[in-house]
């Protein structure tokens, strides 16, 4: 094998190859940096989008809770005035209570159920007192009326605190993200 002297063509080819490899390496580094930058921007946009979606859901929940509270208030007013709800009111209240079970915490939902149960108990005691009164047994009727008044008072107090707690749960925290 015979070595020839280095020619300028060979040097030019070698240098051109080195420059091409160096340029490709530099372009690759720049593309990698650009991709990292774009990924960072995409992550920021995803966080912003998620934040906006969360705020939209919170706003929707706030509106639905406020509507539910507004629908319950007239029933509370009726109870405060008459110490009972009409059968029509109870049938109108049921879907509102079903919505409330989905919109509010389990604790409030359970208390709503307890209020309805207590109201039904008060109605039962009222009807029992009327039954004994119609039989002419006024002493037993009076005992049932006293039980009914206790139940009515419990329902009245429970509804008031329940509405306050529903409103408190509906309020948006000032530091919400």
N, C-alpha and C. Protein backbone atom coordinates (compact mmCIF):
# COMPACT_ATOMS: atom_id res chain seq x y z
N UNK A 1 0.83 -1.15 0.00
CA UNK A 1 0.00 0.00 0.00
C UNK A 1 0.89 1.23 0.00
N UNK A 2 0.52 2.10 -0.78
CA UNK A 2 1.34 3.29 -0.95
C UNK A 2 0.52 4.50 -0.50
N UNK A 3 1.17 5.29 0.33
CA UNK A 3 0.51 6.50 0.81
C UNK A 3 0.86 7.64 -0.10
N UNK A 4 -0.15 8.32 -0.44
CA UNK A 4 0.07 9.48 -1.29
C UNK A 4 0.12 10.71 -0.41
N UNK A 5 0.63 11.67 -0.93
CA UNK A 5 0.69 12.93 -0.20
C UNK A 5 -0.72 13.50 -0.07
N UNK A 6 -0.92 14.23 1.02
CA UNK A 6 -2.23 14.83 1.28
C UNK A 6 -2.47 15.90 0.24
N UNK A 7 -3.64 15.79 -0.33
CA UNK A 7 -3.99 16.78 -1.34
C UNK A 7 -5.02 17.74 -0.77
N UNK A 8 -5.10 18.85 -1.42
CA UNK A 8 -6.08 19.84 -0.96
C UNK A 8 -7.50 19.34 -1.16
N UNK A 9 -7.73 18.53 -2.11
CA UNK A 9 -9.07 17.95 -2.29
C UNK A 9 -9.45 17.09 -1.09
N UNK A 10 -8.51 16.30 -0.63
CA UNK A 10 -8.78 15.43 0.53
C UNK A 10 -9.03 16.26 1.78
N UNK A 11 -8.22 17.29 1.97
CA UNK A 11 -8.39 18.16 3.15
C UNK A 11 -9.74 18.87 3.06
N UNK A 12 -10.08 19.35 1.90
CA UNK A 12 -11.36 20.07 1.73
C UNK A 12 -12.53 19.12 2.01
N UNK A 13 -12.43 17.88 1.55
CA UNK A 13 -13.50 16.90 1.78
C UNK A 13 -13.62 16.59 3.27
N UNK A 14 -12.46 16.42 3.92
CA UNK A 14 -12.46 16.13 5.35
C UNK A 14 -13.03 17.29 6.16
N UNK A 15 -12.62 18.49 5.88
CA UNK A 15 -13.10 19.68 6.60
C UNK A 15 -14.59 19.89 6.33
N UNK A 16 -14.99 19.68 5.10
CA UNK A 16 -16.41 19.82 4.77
C UNK A 16 -17.24 18.81 5.55
N UNK A 17 -16.78 17.59 5.67
CA UNK A 17 -17.48 16.57 6.45
C UNK A 17 -17.57 16.95 7.92
N UNK A 18 -16.43 17.43 8.46
CA UNK A 18 -16.44 17.87 9.87
C UNK A 18 -17.42 19.02 10.08
N UNK A 19 -17.41 19.97 9.18
CA UNK A 19 -18.34 21.11 9.29
C UNK A 19 -19.79 20.65 9.18
N UNK A 20 -20.05 19.69 8.29
CA UNK A 20 -21.42 19.18 8.14
C UNK A 20 -21.87 18.47 9.42
N UNK A 21 -20.98 17.65 10.00
CA UNK A 21 -21.32 16.96 11.25
C UNK A 21 -21.51 17.98 12.37
N UNK A 22 -20.65 18.96 12.46
CA UNK A 22 -20.77 20.00 13.49
C UNK A 22 -22.06 20.80 13.34
N UNK A 23 -22.39 21.14 12.10
CA UNK A 23 -23.63 21.89 11.86
C UNK A 23 -24.85 21.05 12.21
N UNK A 24 -24.83 19.78 11.86
CA UNK A 24 -25.95 18.89 12.20
C UNK A 24 -26.08 18.76 13.72
N UNK A 25 -24.94 18.65 14.41
CA UNK A 25 -24.95 18.56 15.88
C UNK A 25 -25.53 19.84 16.49
N UNK A 26 -25.13 21.00 15.97
CA UNK A 26 -25.62 22.28 16.48
C UNK A 26 -27.13 22.43 16.22
N UNK A 27 -27.58 22.05 15.02
CA UNK A 27 -29.01 22.12 14.68
C UNK A 27 -29.79 21.18 15.60
N UNK A 28 -29.25 20.00 15.87
CA UNK A 28 -29.91 19.06 16.79
C UNK A 28 -30.05 19.64 18.18
N UNK A 29 -29.00 20.28 18.69
CA UNK A 29 -29.08 20.93 20.00
C UNK A 29 -30.13 22.03 20.03
N UNK A 30 -30.17 22.82 19.01
CA UNK A 30 -31.16 23.91 18.93
C UNK A 30 -32.59 23.35 18.87
N UNK A 31 -32.78 22.28 18.10
CA UNK A 31 -34.11 21.67 18.03
C UNK A 31 -34.52 21.08 19.37
N UNK A 32 -33.58 20.48 20.07
CA UNK A 32 -33.87 19.93 21.40
C UNK A 32 -34.27 21.05 22.36
N UNK A 33 -33.52 22.15 22.34
CA UNK A 33 -33.88 23.30 23.19
C UNK A 33 -35.25 23.85 22.83
N UNK A 34 -35.51 23.94 21.53
CA UNK A 34 -36.80 24.44 21.07
C UNK A 34 -37.93 23.52 21.52
N UNK A 35 -37.73 22.22 21.42
CA UNK A 35 -38.75 21.26 21.86
C UNK A 35 -39.02 21.38 23.37
N UNK A 36 -37.96 21.53 24.16
CA UNK A 36 -38.14 21.72 25.61
C UNK A 36 -38.95 22.99 25.89
N UNK A 37 -38.63 24.04 25.17
CA UNK A 37 -39.34 25.31 25.34
C UNK A 37 -40.81 25.15 24.97
N UNK A 38 -41.08 24.48 23.85
CA UNK A 38 -42.47 24.27 23.41
C UNK A 38 -43.22 23.37 24.39
N UNK A 39 -42.55 22.36 24.92
CA UNK A 39 -43.20 21.50 25.91
C UNK A 39 -43.54 22.27 27.17
N UNK A 40 -42.64 23.16 27.59
CA UNK A 40 -42.92 24.00 28.76
C UNK A 40 -44.12 24.91 28.53
N UNK A 41 -44.17 25.50 27.33
CA UNK A 41 -45.30 26.37 27.00
C UNK A 41 -46.60 25.57 26.92
N UNK A 42 -46.53 24.35 26.36
CA UNK A 42 -47.73 23.50 26.29
C UNK A 42 -48.20 23.11 27.68
N UNK A 43 -47.26 22.83 28.58
CA UNK A 43 -47.64 22.49 29.95
C UNK A 43 -48.32 23.68 30.63
N UNK A 44 -47.80 24.87 30.40
CA UNK A 44 -48.42 26.07 30.97
C UNK A 44 -49.82 26.26 30.40
N UNK A 45 -49.97 26.07 29.09
CA UNK A 45 -51.29 26.20 28.47
C UNK A 45 -52.26 25.15 29.00
N UNK A 46 -51.78 23.92 29.20
CA UNK A 46 -52.64 22.87 29.76
C UNK A 46 -53.08 23.22 31.17
N UNK A 47 -52.16 23.75 31.98
CA UNK A 47 -52.52 24.15 33.34
C UNK A 47 -53.55 25.27 33.31
N UNK A 48 -53.34 26.23 32.42
CA UNK A 48 -54.28 27.35 32.31
C UNK A 48 -55.65 26.85 31.85
N UNK A 49 -55.67 25.94 30.89
CA UNK A 49 -56.92 25.38 30.40
C UNK A 49 -57.64 24.60 31.51
N UNK A 50 -56.89 23.80 32.25
CA UNK A 50 -57.47 23.04 33.36
C UNK A 50 -58.03 23.99 34.42
N UNK A 51 -57.28 25.05 34.72
CA UNK A 51 -57.75 26.04 35.70
C UNK A 51 -59.06 26.68 35.23
N UNK A 52 -59.13 27.04 33.96
CA UNK A 52 -60.36 27.65 33.43
C UNK A 52 -61.53 26.67 33.47
N UNK A 53 -61.27 25.40 33.17
CA UNK A 53 -62.33 24.39 33.25
C UNK A 53 -62.83 24.23 34.68
N UNK A 54 -61.88 24.20 35.63
CA UNK A 54 -62.26 24.09 37.03
C UNK A 54 -63.09 25.29 37.47
N UNK A 55 -62.68 26.47 37.06
CA UNK A 55 -63.44 27.67 37.42
C UNK A 55 -64.83 27.65 36.81
N UNK A 56 -64.92 27.16 35.59
CA UNK A 56 -66.22 27.05 34.94
C UNK A 56 -67.12 26.07 35.69
N UNK A 57 -66.57 24.94 36.09
CA UNK A 57 -67.35 23.96 36.86
C UNK A 57 -67.76 24.52 38.22
N UNK A 58 -66.84 25.23 38.86
CA UNK A 58 -67.18 25.85 40.15
C UNK A 58 -68.30 26.87 39.99
N UNK A 59 -68.19 27.65 38.94
CA UNK A 59 -69.23 28.65 38.67
C UNK A 59 -70.57 27.99 38.42
N UNK A 60 -70.57 26.92 37.64
CA UNK A 60 -71.81 26.18 37.36
C UNK A 60 -72.38 25.58 38.65
N UNK A 61 -71.50 25.00 39.48
CA UNK A 61 -71.95 24.43 40.75
C UNK A 61 -72.52 25.51 41.66
N UNK A 62 -71.87 26.66 41.69
CA UNK A 62 -72.37 27.77 42.49
C UNK A 62 -73.77 28.16 42.04
N UNK A 63 -73.97 28.29 40.73
CA UNK A 63 -75.29 28.65 40.21
C UNK A 63 -76.35 27.61 40.54
N UNK A 64 -75.99 26.34 40.41
CA UNK A 64 -76.96 25.28 40.70
C UNK A 64 -77.28 25.22 42.20
N UNK A 65 -76.26 25.43 43.03
CA UNK A 65 -76.52 25.44 44.48
C UNK A 65 -77.39 26.63 44.86
N UNK A 66 -77.08 27.79 44.30
CA UNK A 66 -77.88 28.99 44.61
C UNK A 66 -79.33 28.78 44.19
N UNK A 67 -79.55 28.18 43.03
CA UNK A 67 -80.91 27.90 42.55
C UNK A 67 -81.61 26.94 43.50
N UNK A 68 -80.90 25.93 43.96
CA UNK A 68 -81.48 24.95 44.88
C UNK A 68 -81.89 25.63 46.20
N UNK A 69 -81.02 26.47 46.71
CA UNK A 69 -81.34 27.19 47.96
C UNK A 69 -82.55 28.08 47.75
N UNK A 70 -82.60 28.77 46.63
CA UNK A 70 -83.76 29.63 46.34
C UNK A 70 -85.05 28.83 46.22
N UNK A 71 -84.95 27.60 45.72
CA UNK A 71 -86.14 26.76 45.61
C UNK A 71 -86.57 26.23 46.97
N UNK A 72 -85.65 26.05 47.89
CA UNK A 72 -85.99 25.53 49.22
C UNK A 72 -86.58 26.62 50.12
N UNK A 73 -86.13 27.85 49.96
CA UNK A 73 -86.57 28.95 50.85
C UNK A 73 -88.09 29.11 50.93
N UNK A 74 -88.84 29.06 49.84
CA UNK A 74 -90.30 29.21 49.97
C UNK A 74 -90.94 28.10 50.83
N UNK A 75 -90.37 26.90 50.75
CA UNK A 75 -90.91 25.81 51.58
C UNK A 75 -90.62 26.08 53.05
N UNK A 76 -89.45 26.61 53.32
CA UNK A 76 -89.13 26.96 54.70
C UNK A 76 -90.07 28.06 55.19
N UNK A 77 -90.35 29.04 54.33
CA UNK A 77 -91.27 30.12 54.71
C UNK A 77 -92.67 29.56 54.96
N UNK A 78 -93.11 28.65 54.10
CA UNK A 78 -94.42 28.02 54.31
C UNK A 78 -94.45 27.28 55.64
N UNK A 79 -93.39 26.57 55.94
CA UNK A 79 -93.34 25.83 57.20
C UNK A 79 -93.31 26.79 58.38
N UNK A 80 -92.57 27.89 58.25
CA UNK A 80 -92.49 28.87 59.33
C UNK A 80 -93.86 29.49 59.62
N UNK A 81 -94.66 29.66 58.58
CA UNK A 81 -95.98 30.27 58.76
C UNK A 81 -97.01 29.26 59.23
N UNK A 82 -97.04 28.07 58.60
CA UNK A 82 -98.12 27.11 58.86
C UNK A 82 -97.72 25.96 59.78
N UNK A 83 -96.46 25.85 60.11
CA UNK A 83 -95.92 24.74 60.91
C UNK A 83 -96.16 23.40 60.22
N UNK A 84 -96.33 23.42 58.93
CA UNK A 84 -96.43 22.19 58.14
C UNK A 84 -96.35 22.55 56.66
N UNK A 85 -96.06 21.53 55.87
CA UNK A 85 -96.05 21.70 54.42
C UNK A 85 -97.25 20.97 53.84
N UNK A 86 -97.84 21.56 52.84
CA UNK A 86 -98.95 20.89 52.16
C UNK A 86 -98.42 19.70 51.38
N UNK A 87 -99.33 18.79 51.03
CA UNK A 87 -98.91 17.63 50.24
C UNK A 87 -98.36 18.07 48.89
N UNK A 88 -98.95 19.11 48.33
CA UNK A 88 -98.47 19.65 47.06
C UNK A 88 -97.05 20.18 47.21
N UNK A 89 -96.79 20.89 48.31
CA UNK A 89 -95.44 21.42 48.54
C UNK A 89 -94.43 20.30 48.72
N UNK A 90 -94.83 19.26 49.42
CA UNK A 90 -93.92 18.14 49.61
C UNK A 90 -93.58 17.49 48.28
N UNK A 91 -94.58 17.32 47.42
CA UNK A 91 -94.30 16.71 46.11
C UNK A 91 -93.42 17.63 45.25
N UNK A 92 -93.56 18.95 45.40
CA UNK A 92 -92.71 19.89 44.66
C UNK A 92 -91.30 19.94 45.26
N UNK A 93 -91.19 19.68 46.55
CA UNK A 93 -89.90 19.75 47.23
C UNK A 93 -89.02 18.53 46.94
N UNK A 94 -89.63 17.39 46.66
CA UNK A 94 -88.86 16.16 46.46
C UNK A 94 -87.78 16.29 45.38
N UNK A 95 -88.09 16.78 44.16
CA UNK A 95 -87.02 16.89 43.17
C UNK A 95 -85.92 17.87 43.57
N UNK A 96 -86.29 18.89 44.31
CA UNK A 96 -85.29 19.86 44.79
C UNK A 96 -84.34 19.16 45.76
N UNK A 97 -84.90 18.32 46.63
CA UNK A 97 -84.08 17.59 47.58
C UNK A 97 -83.18 16.58 46.88
N UNK A 98 -83.68 15.97 45.82
CA UNK A 98 -82.84 15.04 45.05
C UNK A 98 -81.66 15.78 44.43
N UNK A 99 -81.94 16.97 43.89
CA UNK A 99 -80.84 17.78 43.35
C UNK A 99 -79.85 18.15 44.46
N UNK A 100 -80.38 18.52 45.61
CA UNK A 100 -79.52 18.92 46.72
C UNK A 100 -78.61 17.78 47.15
N UNK A 101 -79.11 16.54 47.06
CA UNK A 101 -78.27 15.40 47.43
C UNK A 101 -77.05 15.30 46.53
N UNK A 102 -77.17 15.73 45.29
CA UNK A 102 -76.04 15.67 44.36
C UNK A 102 -75.15 16.91 44.43
N UNK A 103 -75.72 18.01 44.86
CA UNK A 103 -75.00 19.28 44.82
C UNK A 103 -74.25 19.61 46.11
N UNK A 104 -74.73 19.08 47.22
CA UNK A 104 -74.14 19.43 48.51
C UNK A 104 -73.45 18.22 49.13
N UNK A 105 -72.72 18.49 50.18
CA UNK A 105 -71.98 17.42 50.85
C UNK A 105 -72.94 16.38 51.42
N UNK A 106 -72.39 15.22 51.72
CA UNK A 106 -73.19 14.13 52.28
C UNK A 106 -73.81 14.55 53.61
N UNK A 107 -73.08 15.33 54.39
CA UNK A 107 -73.59 15.78 55.69
C UNK A 107 -74.85 16.62 55.52
N UNK A 108 -74.83 17.56 54.59
CA UNK A 108 -76.01 18.40 54.35
C UNK A 108 -77.12 17.57 53.74
N UNK A 109 -76.79 16.70 52.84
CA UNK A 109 -77.79 15.83 52.22
C UNK A 109 -78.49 14.97 53.28
N UNK A 110 -77.71 14.41 54.19
CA UNK A 110 -78.30 13.61 55.27
C UNK A 110 -79.19 14.45 56.17
N UNK A 111 -78.76 15.67 56.46
CA UNK A 111 -79.58 16.54 57.31
C UNK A 111 -80.88 16.92 56.61
N UNK A 112 -80.83 17.10 55.29
CA UNK A 112 -82.07 17.36 54.54
C UNK A 112 -83.03 16.18 54.71
N UNK A 113 -82.51 14.98 54.59
CA UNK A 113 -83.34 13.78 54.80
C UNK A 113 -83.91 13.73 56.20
N UNK A 114 -83.10 14.11 57.18
CA UNK A 114 -83.56 14.12 58.58
C UNK A 114 -84.68 15.14 58.78
N UNK A 115 -84.57 16.29 58.12
CA UNK A 115 -85.62 17.32 58.24
C UNK A 115 -86.93 16.79 57.67
N UNK A 116 -86.86 16.15 56.52
CA UNK A 116 -88.07 15.59 55.91
C UNK A 116 -88.66 14.51 56.82
N UNK A 117 -87.81 13.67 57.37
CA UNK A 117 -88.29 12.62 58.28
C UNK A 117 -88.95 13.26 59.51
N UNK A 118 -88.32 14.28 60.07
CA UNK A 118 -88.89 14.96 61.25
C UNK A 118 -90.22 15.62 60.90
N UNK A 119 -90.31 16.17 59.70
CA UNK A 119 -91.57 16.78 59.28
C UNK A 119 -92.67 15.72 59.18
N UNK A 120 -92.31 14.57 58.61
CA UNK A 120 -93.30 13.49 58.50
C UNK A 120 -93.71 13.02 59.90
N UNK A 121 -92.78 12.98 60.83
CA UNK A 121 -93.10 12.60 62.21
C UNK A 121 -94.04 13.62 62.84
N UNK A 122 -93.77 14.90 62.60
CA UNK A 122 -94.65 15.94 63.13
C UNK A 122 -96.06 15.81 62.54
N UNK A 123 -96.15 15.53 61.25
CA UNK A 123 -97.47 15.31 60.62
C UNK A 123 -98.18 14.12 61.24
N UNK A 124 -97.44 13.05 61.46
CA UNK A 124 -98.04 11.86 62.09
C UNK A 124 -98.57 12.21 63.48
N UNK A 125 -97.80 12.95 64.25
CA UNK A 125 -98.23 13.34 65.59
C UNK A 125 -99.43 14.27 65.53
N UNK A 126 -99.46 15.15 64.53
CA UNK A 126 -100.61 16.05 64.37
C UNK A 126 -101.88 15.26 64.06
N UNK A 127 -101.76 14.31 63.13
CA UNK A 127 -102.91 13.49 62.75
C UNK A 127 -103.37 12.60 63.91
N UNK A 128 -102.41 12.10 64.68
CA UNK A 128 -102.76 11.27 65.84
C UNK A 128 -103.49 12.10 66.88
N UNK A 129 -103.02 13.33 67.10
CA UNK A 129 -103.70 14.22 68.05
C UNK A 129 -105.12 14.51 67.59
N UNK A 130 -105.30 14.76 66.30
CA UNK A 130 -106.65 15.01 65.77
C UNK A 130 -107.53 13.77 65.92
N UNK A 131 -106.95 12.61 65.71
CA UNK A 131 -107.70 11.36 65.86
C UNK A 131 -108.23 11.23 67.29
N UNK A 132 -107.34 11.43 68.28
CA UNK A 132 -107.77 11.31 69.67
C UNK A 132 -108.74 12.43 70.05
N UNK A 133 -108.56 13.59 69.47
CA UNK A 133 -109.48 14.69 69.74
C UNK A 133 -110.88 14.35 69.21
N UNK A 134 -110.95 13.75 68.03
CA UNK A 134 -112.23 13.36 67.44
C UNK A 134 -112.89 12.24 68.23
N UNK A 135 -112.08 11.42 68.89
CA UNK A 135 -112.64 10.36 69.75
C UNK A 135 -113.12 10.91 71.09
N UNK A 136 -112.79 12.15 71.37
CA UNK A 136 -113.19 12.77 72.63
C UNK A 136 -112.18 12.56 73.74
N UNK A 137 -111.02 12.05 73.41
CA UNK A 137 -109.98 11.82 74.39
C UNK A 137 -109.01 13.00 74.35
N UNK A 138 -109.39 14.09 74.97
CA UNK A 138 -108.61 15.32 74.86
C UNK A 138 -107.28 15.24 75.61
N UNK A 139 -107.21 14.44 76.66
CA UNK A 139 -105.94 14.32 77.39
C UNK A 139 -104.86 13.68 76.52
N UNK A 140 -105.19 12.58 75.86
CA UNK A 140 -104.24 11.91 74.96
C UNK A 140 -103.95 12.82 73.76
N UNK A 141 -104.97 13.51 73.26
CA UNK A 141 -104.77 14.43 72.14
C UNK A 141 -103.78 15.53 72.52
N UNK A 142 -103.90 16.03 73.74
CA UNK A 142 -102.99 17.07 74.22
C UNK A 142 -101.56 16.55 74.29
N UNK A 143 -101.39 15.32 74.73
CA UNK A 143 -100.05 14.73 74.80
C UNK A 143 -99.44 14.63 73.39
N UNK A 144 -100.26 14.19 72.45
CA UNK A 144 -99.76 14.09 71.07
C UNK A 144 -99.49 15.46 70.48
N UNK A 145 -100.29 16.46 70.84
CA UNK A 145 -100.04 17.83 70.36
C UNK A 145 -98.70 18.35 70.89
N UNK A 146 -98.42 18.08 72.15
CA UNK A 146 -97.15 18.52 72.72
C UNK A 146 -95.97 17.88 71.99
N UNK A 147 -96.11 16.58 71.67
CA UNK A 147 -95.07 15.90 70.89
C UNK A 147 -94.95 16.52 69.50
N UNK A 148 -96.09 16.84 68.94
CA UNK A 148 -96.10 17.46 67.61
C UNK A 148 -95.40 18.82 67.66
N UNK A 149 -95.67 19.62 68.69
CA UNK A 149 -95.03 20.94 68.81
C UNK A 149 -93.52 20.79 68.96
N UNK A 150 -93.08 19.78 69.70
CA UNK A 150 -91.65 19.54 69.84
C UNK A 150 -91.03 19.21 68.47
N UNK A 151 -91.73 18.37 67.73
CA UNK A 151 -91.24 18.02 66.39
C UNK A 151 -91.23 19.23 65.47
N UNK A 152 -92.28 20.04 65.53
CA UNK A 152 -92.34 21.25 64.71
C UNK A 152 -91.19 22.19 65.04
N UNK A 153 -90.92 22.37 66.34
CA UNK A 153 -89.80 23.24 66.74
C UNK A 153 -88.47 22.69 66.23
N UNK A 154 -88.30 21.38 66.32
CA UNK A 154 -87.05 20.76 65.85
C UNK A 154 -86.88 20.97 64.35
N UNK A 155 -87.96 20.80 63.60
CA UNK A 155 -87.89 20.99 62.15
C UNK A 155 -87.57 22.45 61.84
N UNK A 156 -88.23 23.37 62.51
CA UNK A 156 -88.01 24.79 62.26
C UNK A 156 -86.54 25.15 62.49
N UNK A 157 -86.00 24.73 63.63
CA UNK A 157 -84.59 25.03 63.93
C UNK A 157 -83.66 24.33 62.95
N UNK A 158 -83.96 23.10 62.60
CA UNK A 158 -83.10 22.35 61.68
C UNK A 158 -83.08 22.98 60.30
N UNK A 159 -84.22 23.44 59.83
CA UNK A 159 -84.27 24.06 58.50
C UNK A 159 -83.44 25.33 58.49
N UNK A 160 -83.57 26.13 59.53
CA UNK A 160 -82.84 27.40 59.59
C UNK A 160 -81.33 27.16 59.55
N UNK A 161 -80.83 26.28 60.41
CA UNK A 161 -79.38 26.03 60.42
C UNK A 161 -78.94 25.32 59.13
N UNK A 162 -79.81 24.49 58.60
CA UNK A 162 -79.49 23.79 57.36
C UNK A 162 -79.32 24.79 56.21
N UNK A 163 -80.23 25.74 56.10
CA UNK A 163 -80.10 26.76 55.05
C UNK A 163 -78.82 27.58 55.24
N UNK A 164 -78.51 27.92 56.48
CA UNK A 164 -77.27 28.66 56.73
C UNK A 164 -76.06 27.86 56.30
N UNK A 165 -76.05 26.56 56.62
CA UNK A 165 -74.92 25.71 56.24
C UNK A 165 -74.85 25.50 54.73
N UNK A 166 -76.00 25.42 54.08
CA UNK A 166 -76.01 25.28 52.62
C UNK A 166 -75.42 26.54 51.98
N UNK A 167 -75.79 27.69 52.51
CA UNK A 167 -75.25 28.95 51.98
C UNK A 167 -73.75 29.01 52.23
N UNK A 168 -73.32 28.62 53.44
CA UNK A 168 -71.89 28.64 53.75
C UNK A 168 -71.11 27.70 52.83
N UNK A 169 -71.67 26.54 52.53
CA UNK A 169 -71.00 25.59 51.64
C UNK A 169 -70.98 26.09 50.19
N UNK A 170 -71.92 26.94 49.85
CA UNK A 170 -72.01 27.46 48.49
C UNK A 170 -71.02 28.60 48.26
N UNK A 171 -70.68 29.32 49.32
CA UNK A 171 -69.77 30.45 49.15
C UNK A 171 -68.45 30.00 48.56
N UNK A 172 -67.92 30.82 47.67
CA UNK A 172 -66.61 30.55 47.10
C UNK A 172 -65.55 31.06 48.06
N UNK A 173 -64.57 30.23 48.32
CA UNK A 173 -63.47 30.68 49.18
C UNK A 173 -62.70 31.77 48.45
N UNK A 174 -62.28 32.77 49.22
CA UNK A 174 -61.57 33.88 48.59
C UNK A 174 -60.22 33.48 48.06
N UNK A 175 -59.65 32.41 48.62
CA UNK A 175 -58.33 31.97 48.17
C UNK A 175 -58.40 30.80 47.19
N UNK A 176 -59.60 30.56 46.61
CA UNK A 176 -59.75 29.45 45.66
C UNK A 176 -58.84 29.66 44.46
N UNK A 177 -58.31 28.54 44.00
CA UNK A 177 -57.47 28.59 42.78
C UNK A 177 -58.24 28.11 41.61
